[in-house]
Amino acid sequence: MSSQHEQDLKTLMQLNLDYLSSDQNSNAARYEEFLAPEFTASLPDYNIYDRRAFLDMIGKKRPFTDLECSDVQITLLGDVALVHARMTLKTLKGAKKEGRYTDEYQRINGKWMCIGANVISENISCEM
């Protein structure tokens, strides 16, 4: 495994953690740093959000706590990477929920940027 490959994996693992932390803590400013202009998110409410709509949503109080990931798998495909993981969280009413996600990253001008996010889980927005 090349040192570049190892560095890419390390960077993508950190971006994955930053993504989750930013979601949990409504940190739209951090997202601004690594979401590509063409970013879209397909979420459990059956909507597809463009970058602006996603950032607006993130800036509001989150309908969950204790967001965590496990079983993280990163696949590097040249200048594209897929990050797959299992996630768990608690609704504001305390119910434990789980799901899976795949985030897509692209190396743009030497920097990894998130170009897409797809989440499969129970819709928790009705349980706030």
C-alpha atoms as a PDB file:
ATOM      1  CA  MET A   1       0.000   0.000   0.000  1.00  0.00           C
ATOM      2  CA  SER A   2       1.497   3.340  -1.036  1.00  0.00           C
ATOM      3  CA  SER A   3       1.939   6.213   1.380  1.00  0.00           C
ATOM      4  CA  GLN A   4      -0.459   8.282  -0.783  1.00  0.00           C
ATOM      5  CA  HIS A   5      -3.096   5.559  -0.443  1.00  0.00           C
ATOM      6  CA  GLU A   6      -2.592   5.453   3.318  1.00  0.00           C
ATOM      7  CA  GLN A   7      -2.803   9.258   3.543  1.00  0.00           C
ATOM      8  CA  ASP A   8      -6.005   9.264   1.469  1.00  0.00           C
ATOM      9  CA  LEU A   9      -7.578   6.666   3.769  1.00  0.00           C
ATOM     10  CA  LYS A  10      -6.569   8.679   6.842  1.00  0.00           C
ATOM     11  CA  THR A  11      -7.991  11.893   5.343  1.00  0.00           C
ATOM     12  CA  LEU A  12     -11.256  10.208   4.341  1.00  0.00           C
ATOM     13  CA  MET A  13     -11.658   8.607   7.769  1.00  0.00           C
ATOM     14  CA  GLN A  14     -11.255  12.036   9.376  1.00  0.00           C
ATOM     15  CA  LEU A  15     -13.719  13.590   6.920  1.00  0.00           C
ATOM     16  CA  ASN A  16     -16.205  10.858   7.815  1.00  0.00           C
ATOM     17  CA  LEU A  17     -15.858  11.711  11.508  1.00  0.00           C
ATOM     18  CA  ASP A  18     -16.122  15.431  10.736  1.00  0.00           C
ATOM     19  CA  TYR A  19     -19.255  14.777   8.665  1.00  0.00           C
ATOM     20  CA  LEU A  20     -20.959  12.998  11.574  1.00  0.00           C
ATOM     21  CA  SER A  21     -19.829  15.528  14.162  1.00  0.00           C
ATOM     22  CA  SER A  22     -20.968  18.420  11.981  1.00  0.00           C
ATOM     23  CA  ASP A  23     -24.367  16.781  11.525  1.00  0.00           C
ATOM     24  CA  GLN A  24     -24.807  16.080  15.243  1.00  0.00           C
ATOM     25  CA  ASN A  25     -23.730  19.604  16.227  1.00  0.00           C
ATOM     26  CA  SER A  26     -25.408  21.640  13.451  1.00  0.00           C
ATOM     27  CA  ASN A  27     -21.981  22.803  12.248  1.00  0.00           C
ATOM     28  CA  ALA A  28     -22.842  24.106   8.786  1.00  0.00           C
ATOM     29  CA  ALA A  29     -19.586  26.109   8.724  1.00  0.00           C
ATOM     30  CA  ARG A  30     -17.504  22.913   8.824  1.00  0.00           C
ATOM     31  CA  TYR A  31     -19.602  21.386   6.059  1.00  0.00           C
ATOM     32  CA  GLU A  32     -18.936  24.481   3.947  1.00  0.00           C
ATOM     33  CA  GLU A  33     -15.263  23.470   3.962  1.00  0.00           C
ATOM     34  CA  PHE A  34     -15.692  20.008   2.403  1.00  0.00           C
ATOM     35  CA  LEU A  35     -19.014  19.846   0.527  1.00  0.00           C
ATOM     36  CA  ALA A  36     -18.492  20.256  -3.214  1.00  0.00           C
ATOM     37  CA  PRO A  37     -20.681  22.814  -5.029  1.00  0.00           C
ATOM     38  CA  GLU A  38     -22.514  19.947  -6.773  1.00  0.00           C
ATOM     39  CA  PHE A  39     -23.175  18.050  -3.509  1.00  0.00           C
ATOM     40  CA  THR A  40     -26.535  16.315  -3.119  1.00  0.00           C
ATOM     41  CA  ALA A  41     -27.957  14.267  -0.256  1.00  0.00           C
ATOM     42  CA  SER A  42     -30.644  11.605  -0.523  1.00  0.00           C
ATOM     43  CA  LEU A  43     -32.148  11.275   2.953  1.00  0.00           C
ATOM     44  CA  PRO A  44     -34.687   9.003   4.685  1.00  0.00           C
ATOM     45  CA  ASP A  45     -37.465  11.581   4.231  1.00  0.00           C
ATOM     46  CA  TYR A  46     -37.364  10.601   0.512  1.00  0.00           C
ATOM     47  CA  ASN A  47     -36.074  14.009  -0.543  1.00  0.00           C
ATOM     48  CA  ILE A  48     -32.932  14.928  -2.421  1.00  0.00           C
ATOM     49  CA  TYR A  49     -31.246  18.042  -1.071  1.00  0.00           C
ATOM     50  CA  ASP A  50     -28.841  20.223  -2.985  1.00  0.00           C
ATOM     51  CA  ARG A  51     -25.935  21.797  -1.124  1.00  0.00           C
ATOM     52  CA  ARG A  52     -27.804  24.952  -0.061  1.00  0.00           C
ATOM     53  CA  ALA A  53     -30.905  23.091   1.165  1.00  0.00           C
ATOM     54  CA  PHE A  54     -28.717  20.592   3.038  1.00  0.00           C
ATOM     55  CA  LEU A  55     -26.748  23.360   4.771  1.00  0.00           C
ATOM     56  CA  ASP A  56     -30.001  25.128   5.700  1.00  0.00           C
ATOM     57  CA  MET A  57     -31.303  21.885   7.231  1.00  0.00           C
ATOM     58  CA  ILE A  58     -28.034  21.267   9.120  1.00  0.00           C
ATOM     59  CA  GLY A  59     -28.157  24.763  10.597  1.00  0.00           C
ATOM     60  CA  LYS A  60     -31.376  23.878  12.453  1.00  0.00           C
ATOM     61  CA  LYS A  61     -31.701  21.864  15.656  1.00  0.00           C
ATOM     62  CA  ARG A  62     -31.029  18.219  14.857  1.00  0.00           C
ATOM     63  CA  PRO A  63     -33.831  15.694  15.562  1.00  0.00           C
ATOM     64  CA  PHE A  64     -31.456  13.223  17.244  1.00  0.00           C
ATOM     65  CA  THR A  65     -28.556  12.743  19.645  1.00  0.00           C
ATOM     66  CA  ASP A  66     -25.721  10.248  20.038  1.00  0.00           C
ATOM     67  CA  LEU A  67     -24.938   9.895  16.321  1.00  0.00           C
ATOM     68  CA  GLU A  68     -22.207   7.290  15.907  1.00  0.00           C
ATOM     69  CA  CYS A  69     -20.786   5.135  13.137  1.00  0.00           C
ATOM     70  CA  SER A  70     -19.273   1.678  12.954  1.00  0.00           C
ATOM     71  CA  ASP A  71     -18.266  -0.853  10.318  1.00  0.00           C
ATOM     72  CA  VAL A  72     -16.663   1.914   8.226  1.00  0.00           C
ATOM     73  CA  GLN A  73     -15.447   0.729   4.825  1.00  0.00           C
ATOM     74  CA  ILE A  74     -13.601   3.074   2.490  1.00  0.00           C
ATOM     75  CA  THR A  75     -13.122   2.168  -1.152  1.00  0.00           C
ATOM     76  CA  LEU A  76     -10.663   4.244  -3.176  1.00  0.00           C
ATOM     77  CA  LEU A  77     -11.261   4.409  -6.927  1.00  0.00           C
ATOM     78  CA  GLY A  78      -8.573   6.796  -8.115  1.00  0.00           C
ATOM     79  CA  ASP A  79      -9.848  10.321  -7.460  1.00  0.00           C
ATOM     80  CA  VAL A  80     -13.215   9.033  -6.185  1.00  0.00           C
ATOM     81  CA  ALA A  81     -13.907   7.354  -2.855  1.00  0.00           C
ATOM     82  CA  LEU A  82     -16.918   5.638  -1.328  1.00  0.00           C
ATOM     83  CA  VAL A  83     -17.403   5.644   2.434  1.00  0.00           C
ATOM     84  CA  HIS A  84     -19.881   3.030   3.675  1.00  0.00           C
ATOM     85  CA  ALA A  85     -20.851   2.702   7.333  1.00  0.00           C
ATOM     86  CA  ARG A  86     -23.485   1.680   9.837  1.00  0.00           C
ATOM     87  CA  MET A  87     -24.912   4.444  11.996  1.00  0.00           C
ATOM     88  CA  THR A  88     -26.818   4.587  15.241  1.00  0.00           C
ATOM     89  CA  LEU A  89     -28.572   7.486  16.927  1.00  0.00           C
ATOM     90  CA  LYS A  90     -31.277   8.315  19.446  1.00  0.00           C
ATOM     91  CA  THR A  91     -34.383  10.308  18.657  1.00  0.00           C
ATOM     92  CA  LEU A  92     -35.210  13.240  20.897  1.00  0.00           C
ATOM     93  CA  LYS A  93     -37.739  10.910  22.552  1.00  0.00           C
ATOM     94  CA  GLY A  94     -34.927   8.467  23.345  1.00  0.00           C
ATOM     95  CA  ALA A  95     -35.680   5.735  20.796  1.00  0.00           C
ATOM     96  CA  LYS A  96     -32.586   4.058  19.364  1.00  0.00           C
ATOM     97  CA  LYS A  97     -32.475   3.985  15.556  1.00  0.00           C
ATOM     98  CA  GLU A  98     -29.966   2.604  13.114  1.00  0.00           C
ATOM     99  CA  GLY A  99     -29.212   2.746   9.444  1.00  0.00           C
ATOM    100  CA  ARG A 100     -26.471   2.754   6.838  1.00  0.00           C
ATOM    101  CA  TYR A 101     -24.961   5.440   4.696  1.00  0.00           C
ATOM    102  CA  THR A 102     -22.716   5.860   1.706  1.00  0.00           C
ATOM    103  CA  ASP A 103     -20.909   9.135   1.173  1.00  0.00           C
ATOM    104  CA  GLU A 104     -19.134   9.841  -2.087  1.00  0.00           C
ATOM    105  CA  TYR A 105     -15.963  11.918  -2.248  1.00  0.00           C
ATOM    106  CA  GLN A 106     -13.972  13.249  -5.179  1.00  0.00           C
ATOM    107  CA  ARG A 107     -10.454  14.641  -5.133  1.00  0.00           C
ATOM    108  CA  ILE A 108     -10.819  18.114  -6.641  1.00  0.00           C
ATOM    109  CA  ASN A 109      -7.676  20.183  -7.120  1.00  0.00           C
ATOM    110  CA  GLY A 110      -5.888  17.897  -4.677  1.00  0.00           C
ATOM    111  CA  LYS A 111      -8.528  18.136  -1.925  1.00  0.00           C
ATOM    112  CA  TRP A 112     -11.130  15.501  -1.011  1.00  0.00           C
ATOM    113  CA  MET A 113     -14.639  16.982  -1.300  1.00  0.00           C
ATOM    114  CA  CYS A 114     -17.933  15.283  -0.513  1.00  0.00           C
ATOM    115  CA  ILE A 115     -20.068  15.150  -3.663  1.00  0.00           C
ATOM    116  CA  GLY A 116     -22.937  13.020  -2.373  1.00  0.00           C
ATOM    117  CA  ALA A 117     -24.547  11.404   0.660  1.00  0.00           C
ATOM    118  CA  ASN A 118     -27.112   8.617   0.731  1.00  0.00           C
ATOM    119  CA  VAL A 119     -28.751   7.515   3.976  1.00  0.00           C
ATOM    120  CA  ILE A 120     -30.917   4.455   4.511  1.00  0.00           C
ATOM    121  CA  SER A 121     -32.716   4.454   7.852  1.00  0.00           C
ATOM    122  CA  GLU A 122     -36.072   4.902   9.428  1.00  0.00           C
ATOM    123  CA  ASN A 123     -37.373   8.442   9.011  1.00  0.00           C
ATOM    124  CA  ILE A 124     -36.975  10.067  12.418  1.00  0.00           C
ATOM    125  CA  SER A 125     -38.382  13.504  11.568  1.00  0.00           C
ATOM    126  CA  CYS A 126     -41.860  12.430  12.716  1.00  0.00           C
ATOM    127  CA  GLU A 127     -40.466  11.406  16.120  1.00  0.00           C
ATOM    128  CA  MET A 128     -39.077  14.744  17.227  1.00  0.00           C
END
